[in-house]
C-alpha cells in the first residue's frame, strides 16, 4: 500500500498533468469563423489569380476585413474559450501560429489590385489601393510592399504630369 504522503504527491502530479492537458489541448472554435486562415488563404489566392477589377476589389476588401478581425483576436483565438469553471483564470488559449504573414498577404493583394486598376486606367482606385498599403504598413518591417506602393504612386504621378505637360500648348499665339 502507498503511504498517504506519496499518494497525495501522485494525485498532485496527476492533477497538474490533467490541467496541462486541458490547457494545451482545448479546442478553439474560431477556426470555423469566416476569418479562419484557410478562408483567408483561399481569398488571397483568388485575389492573386483574378484579373477582373470588380473581383479584385472584392477580394482585396475581404482580405483586409479578415486582417482586421484577426488583429482583434478572432483568428488568433485571443478570446476566452473556457467560459465556466474555476480553472478558467489559469488557462489561456493558444495563439494561432501562421507560416505566412497575413499583413504581407493583404499588402500583396492590395498591390496587385492597384496594379491592375492602373493598367486598366482606374487611376483613383489604383491610388487608393497603393495608399492603403502605405497606411496599413506605415510602422512595419515589410519594406518591399511599402516601396512597391510608393513606386506605384510615383508612377501614377509621373504619368499624370506627363499628360498635363502634353496638353499644354507649346507656344502662345501672338
Protein backbone atom coordinates (compact mmCIF):
# COMPACT_ATOMS: atom_id res chain seq x y z
CA UNK A 1 0.00 0.00 0.00
CA UNK A 2 1.20 3.52 -0.81
CA UNK A 3 1.75 5.80 2.20
CA UNK A 4 -0.56 8.84 2.43
CA UNK A 5 2.11 11.44 1.60
CA UNK A 6 3.20 9.58 -1.54
CA UNK A 7 -0.43 9.10 -2.59
CA UNK A 8 -1.03 12.83 -2.19
CA UNK A 9 2.02 13.63 -4.36
CA UNK A 10 0.84 11.24 -7.05
CA UNK A 11 -2.60 12.89 -7.00
CA UNK A 12 -0.99 16.34 -7.32
CA UNK A 13 1.12 15.20 -10.27
CA UNK A 14 -1.91 13.65 -11.99
CA UNK A 15 -3.95 16.82 -11.36
CA UNK A 16 -1.15 19.06 -12.67
CA UNK A 17 -0.81 16.86 -15.76
CA UNK A 18 -4.55 17.00 -16.33
CA UNK A 19 -4.54 20.79 -16.07
CA UNK A 20 -1.66 20.89 -18.57
CA UNK A 21 -3.53 18.66 -21.00
CA UNK A 22 -6.67 20.76 -20.68
CA UNK A 23 -4.70 23.96 -21.22
CA UNK A 24 -2.76 22.63 -24.20
CA UNK A 25 -5.46 20.68 -25.97
CA UNK A 26 -8.50 22.84 -25.65
CA UNK A 27 -10.20 23.37 -28.95
CA UNK A 28 -10.63 26.84 -30.36
CA UNK A 29 -13.90 27.22 -32.27
CA UNK A 30 -12.62 30.34 -34.05
CA UNK A 31 -11.10 28.20 -36.81
CA UNK A 32 -14.66 27.76 -38.04
CA UNK A 33 -15.10 31.53 -38.23
CA UNK A 34 -15.13 33.25 -41.62
CA UNK A 35 -11.77 34.78 -40.76
CA UNK A 36 -10.02 31.45 -40.45
CA UNK A 37 -6.62 31.20 -42.02
CA UNK A 38 -7.83 28.68 -44.60
CA UNK A 39 -10.54 31.08 -45.74
CA UNK A 40 -8.06 33.96 -45.77
CA UNK A 41 -5.63 31.89 -47.85
CA UNK A 42 -8.34 30.96 -50.37
CA UNK A 43 -9.38 34.60 -50.70
CA UNK A 44 -5.77 35.69 -51.08
CA UNK A 45 -5.19 33.08 -53.81
CA UNK A 46 -8.36 34.24 -55.57
CA UNK A 47 -7.09 37.82 -55.38
CA UNK A 48 -3.73 36.87 -56.89
CA UNK A 49 -5.34 34.97 -59.76
CA UNK A 50 -8.16 37.41 -60.56
CA UNK A 51 -7.88 39.84 -63.45
CA UNK A 52 -11.34 41.42 -63.38
CA UNK A 53 -11.28 44.62 -61.39
CA UNK A 54 -14.59 44.08 -59.61
CA UNK A 55 -13.41 40.66 -58.36
CA UNK A 56 -10.06 42.08 -57.29
CA UNK A 57 -11.61 44.90 -55.30
CA UNK A 58 -13.96 42.44 -53.60
CA UNK A 59 -11.12 40.06 -52.70
CA UNK A 60 -8.89 42.93 -51.52
CA UNK A 61 -11.62 44.22 -49.24
CA UNK A 62 -12.35 40.73 -47.91
CA UNK A 63 -8.69 40.04 -47.08
CA UNK A 64 -8.42 43.46 -45.43
CA UNK A 65 -11.55 42.75 -43.36
CA UNK A 66 -10.13 39.37 -42.32
CA UNK A 67 -6.92 41.07 -41.20
CA UNK A 68 -8.94 43.49 -39.07
CA UNK A 69 -10.83 40.56 -37.49
CA UNK A 70 -7.55 38.71 -36.97
CA UNK A 71 -5.95 41.72 -35.31
CA UNK A 72 -8.92 41.99 -32.97
CA UNK A 73 -8.31 38.39 -31.88
CA UNK A 74 -10.96 36.49 -33.84
CA UNK A 75 -8.49 34.43 -35.86
CA UNK A 76 -5.77 34.18 -33.24
CA UNK A 77 -8.07 32.77 -30.58
CA UNK A 78 -7.40 35.58 -28.12
CA UNK A 79 -10.84 35.17 -26.61
CA UNK A 80 -11.72 33.09 -23.59
CA UNK A 81 -12.89 29.76 -24.97
CA UNK A 82 -13.46 28.32 -21.48
CA UNK A 83 -16.38 30.22 -20.01
CA UNK A 84 -17.02 28.24 -16.84
CA UNK A 85 -15.05 26.59 -14.11
CA UNK A 86 -12.53 27.60 -11.53
CA UNK A 87 -9.52 26.85 -13.75
CA UNK A 88 -10.52 29.48 -16.34
CA UNK A 89 -8.20 32.15 -14.97
CA UNK A 90 -5.24 29.76 -15.17
CA UNK A 91 -5.82 28.60 -18.74
CA UNK A 92 -5.09 30.86 -21.68
CA UNK A 93 -5.94 29.88 -25.24
CA UNK A 94 -3.03 29.33 -27.57
CA UNK A 95 -2.49 31.79 -30.38
CA UNK A 96 -2.69 30.52 -33.92
CA UNK A 97 0.78 30.47 -35.44
CA UNK A 98 0.99 31.04 -39.14
CA UNK A 99 3.81 30.28 -41.56
CA UNK A 100 2.96 33.38 -43.59
CA UNK A 101 2.32 36.95 -42.60
CA UNK A 102 -1.33 37.90 -43.12
CA UNK A 103 -0.32 41.57 -43.36
CA UNK A 104 2.00 40.70 -46.24
CA UNK A 105 -0.84 38.76 -47.91
CA UNK A 106 -3.09 41.80 -47.54
CA UNK A 107 -0.44 44.17 -48.90
CA UNK A 108 0.27 41.88 -51.83
CA UNK A 109 -3.44 41.66 -52.71
CA UNK A 110 -3.81 45.46 -52.47
CA UNK A 111 -0.72 45.99 -54.66
CA UNK A 112 -1.98 43.53 -57.25
CA UNK A 113 -5.37 45.25 -57.30
CA UNK A 114 -3.69 48.65 -57.62
CA UNK A 115 -1.51 47.48 -60.50
CA UNK A 116 -4.47 46.03 -62.41
CA UNK A 117 -6.53 49.18 -61.75
CA UNK A 118 -3.64 51.31 -63.05
CA UNK A 119 -3.27 49.20 -66.21
CA UNK A 120 -6.99 49.48 -66.86
CA UNK A 121 -6.97 53.26 -66.40
CA UNK A 122 -8.68 53.40 -62.99
CA UNK A 123 -6.19 55.86 -61.52
CA UNK A 124 -8.17 56.87 -58.42
CA UNK A 125 -8.73 53.23 -57.44
CA UNK A 126 -5.04 52.46 -58.02
CA UNK A 127 -4.05 55.41 -55.82
CA UNK A 128 -6.45 54.17 -53.13
CA UNK A 129 -5.01 50.64 -53.18
CA UNK A 130 -1.39 51.87 -53.03
CA UNK A 131 -2.34 54.34 -50.32
CA UNK A 132 -3.89 51.58 -48.23
CA UNK A 133 -0.63 49.65 -48.33
CA UNK A 134 1.24 52.71 -47.10
CA UNK A 135 -1.36 53.33 -44.39
CA UNK A 136 -1.52 49.72 -43.22
CA UNK A 137 2.25 49.17 -43.20
CA UNK A 138 3.47 52.59 -42.07
CA UNK A 139 5.21 51.13 -39.00
CA UNK A 140 6.01 47.75 -40.50
CA UNK A 141 9.18 45.97 -41.45
CA UNK A 142 7.62 44.84 -44.73
CA UNK A 143 9.66 47.35 -46.74
CA UNK A 144 9.16 45.60 -50.08
CA UNK A 145 5.43 46.30 -50.06
CA UNK A 146 5.87 49.88 -48.85
CA UNK A 147 8.45 50.55 -51.57
CA UNK A 148 6.26 48.94 -54.24
CA UNK A 149 3.29 51.08 -53.17
CA UNK A 150 5.42 54.23 -53.23
CA UNK A 151 6.69 53.28 -56.68
CA UNK A 152 3.10 52.76 -57.89
CA UNK A 153 2.06 56.19 -56.62
CA UNK A 154 5.18 57.80 -58.11
CA UNK A 155 4.47 56.17 -61.47
CA UNK A 156 0.90 57.49 -61.41
CA UNK A 157 2.14 60.99 -60.54
CA UNK A 158 4.71 60.89 -63.35
CA UNK A 159 2.10 59.74 -65.88
CA UNK A 160 -0.34 62.45 -64.76
CA UNK A 161 2.42 65.06 -65.01
CA UNK A 162 3.41 63.88 -68.49
CA UNK A 163 -0.22 64.01 -69.60
CA UNK A 164 -0.58 67.52 -68.20
CA UNK A 165 2.62 68.63 -69.95
CA UNK A 166 1.41 67.23 -73.29
CA UNK A 167 -1.92 69.03 -73.04
CA UNK A 168 -0.31 72.46 -72.61
CA UNK A 169 0.24 74.47 -75.77
CA UNK A 170 3.91 74.73 -76.67
CA UNK A 171 3.67 78.40 -77.53
CA UNK A 172 1.17 81.16 -77.20
CA UNK A 173 -0.15 82.82 -80.35
CA UNK A 174 0.91 86.42 -80.82
